[in-house]
Amino acid sequence: MGEQKRKETTKQDFIFGKKNYKFMLIGLACIVLGFILMSGGGSDDPNVFDPSIFSWRRIRLAPTLVLIGFGIQVYAILLNPNKTPKS
């Protein structure tokens, strides 16, 4: 009887709420998109220089997206899902 009562009193709570997981998925999508934009630009022939590796997309946009994604991840971890808005 004691074990059954203990099982009833212990409730399985998740660490994060639904809102946290939504922000985590958004942050993960930003990070993945940034790495996809960063990829490519190689040359098939190692003796030929390809200047496309220095494009604006690979130098500025992609790392910015990755950093924004990491920022969203930190926000999602620190977000308190149980906080009620003040009326």
N, C-alpha and C. Protein backbone atom coordinates (compact mmCIF):
# COMPACT_ATOMS: atom_id res chain seq x y z
N MET A 1 0.82 -1.20 0.00
CA MET A 1 0.00 0.00 0.00
C MET A 1 0.86 1.26 0.00
N GLY A 2 1.99 1.23 0.70
CA GLY A 2 2.86 2.39 0.80
C GLY A 2 3.47 2.76 -0.54
N GLU A 3 3.84 1.75 -1.34
CA GLU A 3 4.46 2.03 -2.64
C GLU A 3 3.44 2.64 -3.59
N GLN A 4 2.21 2.17 -3.55
CA GLN A 4 1.18 2.72 -4.42
C GLN A 4 0.90 4.18 -4.04
N LYS A 5 0.89 4.49 -2.79
CA LYS A 5 0.64 5.85 -2.34
C LYS A 5 1.79 6.77 -2.78
N ARG A 6 3.02 6.26 -2.69
CA ARG A 6 4.18 7.03 -3.11
C ARG A 6 4.12 7.33 -4.61
N LYS A 7 3.67 6.36 -5.41
CA LYS A 7 3.54 6.57 -6.85
C LYS A 7 2.48 7.61 -7.16
N GLU A 8 1.42 7.64 -6.37
CA GLU A 8 0.37 8.62 -6.59
C GLU A 8 0.83 10.03 -6.23
N THR A 9 1.64 10.15 -5.19
CA THR A 9 2.06 11.47 -4.75
C THR A 9 3.18 12.05 -5.61
N THR A 10 4.01 11.19 -6.22
CA THR A 10 5.07 11.71 -7.08
C THR A 10 4.50 11.94 -8.47
N LYS A 11 4.52 13.18 -8.87
CA LYS A 11 3.99 13.56 -10.18
C LYS A 11 5.17 13.85 -11.10
N GLN A 12 5.12 13.35 -12.31
CA GLN A 12 6.19 13.56 -13.28
C GLN A 12 6.01 14.95 -13.91
N ASP A 13 6.85 15.89 -13.50
CA ASP A 13 6.82 17.23 -14.06
C ASP A 13 7.97 17.40 -15.04
N PHE A 14 7.69 18.05 -16.16
CA PHE A 14 8.74 18.36 -17.10
C PHE A 14 9.48 19.60 -16.61
N ILE A 15 10.74 19.68 -16.95
CA ILE A 15 11.53 20.84 -16.53
C ILE A 15 11.07 22.07 -17.30
N PHE A 16 10.83 21.91 -18.58
CA PHE A 16 10.43 23.02 -19.42
C PHE A 16 8.96 22.89 -19.80
N GLY A 17 8.35 24.02 -20.11
CA GLY A 17 6.97 24.04 -20.56
C GLY A 17 6.88 24.03 -22.08
N LYS A 18 5.66 24.08 -22.54
CA LYS A 18 5.41 24.04 -23.98
C LYS A 18 6.02 25.26 -24.68
N LYS A 19 5.95 26.40 -24.01
CA LYS A 19 6.49 27.63 -24.58
C LYS A 19 8.02 27.54 -24.73
N ASN A 20 8.68 26.92 -23.75
CA ASN A 20 10.13 26.75 -23.81
C ASN A 20 10.52 25.90 -25.03
N TYR A 21 9.80 24.81 -25.23
CA TYR A 21 10.13 23.92 -26.35
C TYR A 21 9.89 24.59 -27.70
N LYS A 22 8.87 25.45 -27.79
CA LYS A 22 8.64 26.18 -29.04
C LYS A 22 9.81 27.09 -29.36
N PHE A 23 10.29 27.83 -28.33
CA PHE A 23 11.43 28.71 -28.55
C PHE A 23 12.68 27.91 -28.86
N MET A 24 12.84 26.74 -28.25
CA MET A 24 14.01 25.90 -28.53
C MET A 24 14.01 25.43 -29.98
N LEU A 25 12.84 25.06 -30.48
CA LEU A 25 12.75 24.62 -31.88
C LEU A 25 13.03 25.78 -32.84
N ILE A 26 12.55 26.97 -32.50
CA ILE A 26 12.82 28.14 -33.34
C ILE A 26 14.32 28.44 -33.35
N GLY A 27 14.95 28.39 -32.19
CA GLY A 27 16.40 28.61 -32.10
C GLY A 27 17.18 27.56 -32.86
N LEU A 28 16.77 26.31 -32.74
CA LEU A 28 17.45 25.23 -33.46
C LEU A 28 17.31 25.41 -34.97
N ALA A 29 16.14 25.85 -35.43
CA ALA A 29 15.93 26.09 -36.85
C ALA A 29 16.83 27.22 -37.35
N CYS A 30 17.01 28.27 -36.55
CA CYS A 30 17.91 29.37 -36.93
C CYS A 30 19.35 28.88 -37.04
N ILE A 31 19.77 28.06 -36.09
CA ILE A 31 21.14 27.54 -36.10
C ILE A 31 21.37 26.66 -37.33
N VAL A 32 20.43 25.77 -37.60
CA VAL A 32 20.56 24.87 -38.76
C VAL A 32 20.57 25.67 -40.06
N LEU A 33 19.68 26.66 -40.17
CA LEU A 33 19.65 27.49 -41.38
C LEU A 33 20.96 28.25 -41.56
N GLY A 34 21.52 28.74 -40.46
CA GLY A 34 22.80 29.43 -40.55
C GLY A 34 23.91 28.54 -41.05
N PHE A 35 23.96 27.29 -40.54
CA PHE A 35 25.01 26.38 -41.01
C PHE A 35 24.78 25.95 -42.45
N ILE A 36 23.53 25.84 -42.87
CA ILE A 36 23.26 25.51 -44.27
C ILE A 36 23.72 26.65 -45.18
N LEU A 37 23.44 27.89 -44.77
CA LEU A 37 23.87 29.04 -45.57
C LEU A 37 25.39 29.17 -45.60
N MET A 38 26.05 28.70 -44.56
CA MET A 38 27.51 28.79 -44.48
C MET A 38 28.20 27.74 -45.35
N SER A 39 27.52 26.69 -45.68
CA SER A 39 28.16 25.58 -46.40
C SER A 39 28.37 25.92 -47.88
N GLY A 40 29.16 25.12 -48.52
CA GLY A 40 29.41 25.28 -49.95
C GLY A 40 30.55 26.22 -50.23
N GLY A 41 30.70 26.59 -51.48
CA GLY A 41 31.74 27.54 -51.89
C GLY A 41 33.07 26.91 -52.20
N GLY A 42 33.13 25.61 -52.17
CA GLY A 42 34.39 24.93 -52.48
C GLY A 42 34.60 24.83 -53.97
N SER A 43 35.81 24.47 -54.33
CA SER A 43 36.16 24.30 -55.73
C SER A 43 36.53 22.84 -55.97
N ASP A 44 36.15 22.32 -57.13
CA ASP A 44 36.48 20.94 -57.47
C ASP A 44 37.98 20.79 -57.73
N ASP A 45 38.57 21.81 -58.31
CA ASP A 45 40.00 21.78 -58.63
C ASP A 45 40.76 22.57 -57.56
N PRO A 46 41.66 21.95 -56.81
CA PRO A 46 42.37 22.68 -55.75
C PRO A 46 43.33 23.75 -56.25
N ASN A 47 43.63 23.75 -57.54
CA ASN A 47 44.53 24.76 -58.11
C ASN A 47 43.80 26.02 -58.53
N VAL A 48 42.47 26.00 -58.49
CA VAL A 48 41.68 27.14 -58.94
C VAL A 48 41.06 27.80 -57.70
N PHE A 49 41.24 29.11 -57.57
CA PHE A 49 40.66 29.87 -56.45
C PHE A 49 39.23 30.26 -56.78
N ASP A 50 38.33 30.04 -55.84
CA ASP A 50 36.93 30.39 -56.02
C ASP A 50 36.58 31.51 -55.04
N PRO A 51 36.35 32.73 -55.53
CA PRO A 51 36.09 33.84 -54.61
C PRO A 51 34.71 33.80 -53.96
N SER A 52 33.88 32.83 -54.30
CA SER A 52 32.54 32.77 -53.71
C SER A 52 32.55 32.42 -52.22
N ILE A 53 33.71 31.99 -51.70
CA ILE A 53 33.77 31.70 -50.27
C ILE A 53 33.71 32.98 -49.44
N PHE A 54 33.96 34.12 -50.07
CA PHE A 54 33.92 35.40 -49.38
C PHE A 54 32.63 36.16 -49.65
N SER A 55 31.56 35.46 -49.98
CA SER A 55 30.30 36.14 -50.26
C SER A 55 29.68 36.68 -48.97
N TRP A 56 28.82 37.67 -49.12
CA TRP A 56 28.15 38.30 -47.99
C TRP A 56 27.33 37.28 -47.19
N ARG A 57 26.75 36.34 -47.88
CA ARG A 57 25.92 35.32 -47.24
C ARG A 57 26.75 34.46 -46.28
N ARG A 58 27.94 34.08 -46.68
CA ARG A 58 28.77 33.19 -45.86
C ARG A 58 29.54 33.93 -44.77
N ILE A 59 29.86 35.20 -45.00
CA ILE A 59 30.68 35.95 -44.04
C ILE A 59 29.82 36.68 -43.01
N ARG A 60 28.69 37.21 -43.40
CA ARG A 60 27.88 38.04 -42.49
C ARG A 60 26.56 37.38 -42.08
N LEU A 61 25.78 36.94 -43.04
CA LEU A 61 24.42 36.47 -42.76
C LEU A 61 24.40 35.17 -41.97
N ALA A 62 25.14 34.18 -42.41
CA ALA A 62 25.10 32.87 -41.77
C ALA A 62 25.61 32.90 -40.32
N PRO A 63 26.76 33.51 -40.03
CA PRO A 63 27.17 33.57 -38.61
C PRO A 63 26.22 34.38 -37.74
N THR A 64 25.61 35.41 -38.30
CA THR A 64 24.63 36.19 -37.54
C THR A 64 23.42 35.33 -37.20
N LEU A 65 22.95 34.54 -38.15
CA LEU A 65 21.82 33.65 -37.88
C LEU A 65 22.16 32.61 -36.81
N VAL A 66 23.37 32.09 -36.84
CA VAL A 66 23.79 31.11 -35.84
C VAL A 66 23.82 31.75 -34.45
N LEU A 67 24.38 32.96 -34.35
CA LEU A 67 24.42 33.64 -33.06
C LEU A 67 23.03 34.00 -32.55
N ILE A 68 22.14 34.42 -33.44
CA ILE A 68 20.76 34.70 -33.05
C ILE A 68 20.09 33.42 -32.56
N GLY A 69 20.35 32.31 -33.23
CA GLY A 69 19.79 31.03 -32.81
C GLY A 69 20.27 30.63 -31.43
N PHE A 70 21.57 30.84 -31.14
CA PHE A 70 22.08 30.54 -29.81
C PHE A 70 21.46 31.46 -28.76
N GLY A 71 21.25 32.72 -29.12
CA GLY A 71 20.58 33.65 -28.21
C GLY A 71 19.15 33.22 -27.89
N ILE A 72 18.44 32.74 -28.89
CA ILE A 72 17.07 32.25 -28.68
C ILE A 72 17.10 31.01 -27.80
N GLN A 73 18.10 30.16 -27.96
CA GLN A 73 18.22 28.97 -27.11
C GLN A 73 18.42 29.36 -25.64
N VAL A 74 19.28 30.33 -25.39
CA VAL A 74 19.50 30.79 -24.02
C VAL A 74 18.22 31.37 -23.44
N TYR A 75 17.50 32.16 -24.23
CA TYR A 75 16.23 32.73 -23.79
C TYR A 75 15.23 31.62 -23.47
N ALA A 76 15.18 30.60 -24.31
CA ALA A 76 14.24 29.49 -24.09
C ALA A 76 14.56 28.73 -22.81
N ILE A 77 15.84 28.60 -22.48
CA ILE A 77 16.21 27.88 -21.27
C ILE A 77 15.86 28.71 -20.04
N LEU A 78 16.07 30.02 -20.11
CA LEU A 78 15.83 30.88 -18.95
C LEU A 78 14.38 31.30 -18.78
N LEU A 79 13.55 31.07 -19.78
CA LEU A 79 12.15 31.47 -19.74
C LEU A 79 11.39 30.68 -18.70
N ASN A 80 10.61 31.37 -17.87
CA ASN A 80 9.80 30.71 -16.86
C ASN A 80 8.40 30.48 -17.42
N PRO A 81 8.03 29.24 -17.72
CA PRO A 81 6.72 29.00 -18.34
C PRO A 81 5.55 29.16 -17.37
N ASN A 82 5.81 29.12 -16.07
CA ASN A 82 4.73 29.20 -15.08
C ASN A 82 4.41 30.63 -14.66
N LYS A 83 5.16 31.59 -15.15
CA LYS A 83 4.94 32.98 -14.77
C LYS A 83 3.68 33.50 -15.43
N THR A 84 2.80 34.08 -14.64
CA THR A 84 1.56 34.64 -15.16
C THR A 84 1.77 36.13 -15.42
N PRO A 85 1.19 36.64 -16.50
CA PRO A 85 1.34 38.07 -16.79
C PRO A 85 0.62 38.91 -15.76
N LYS A 86 1.21 40.07 -15.41
CA LYS A 86 0.59 40.95 -14.43
C LYS A 86 -0.59 41.67 -15.06
N SER A 87 -1.67 41.76 -14.31
CA SER A 87 -2.88 42.43 -14.81
C SER A 87 -2.97 43.85 -14.35
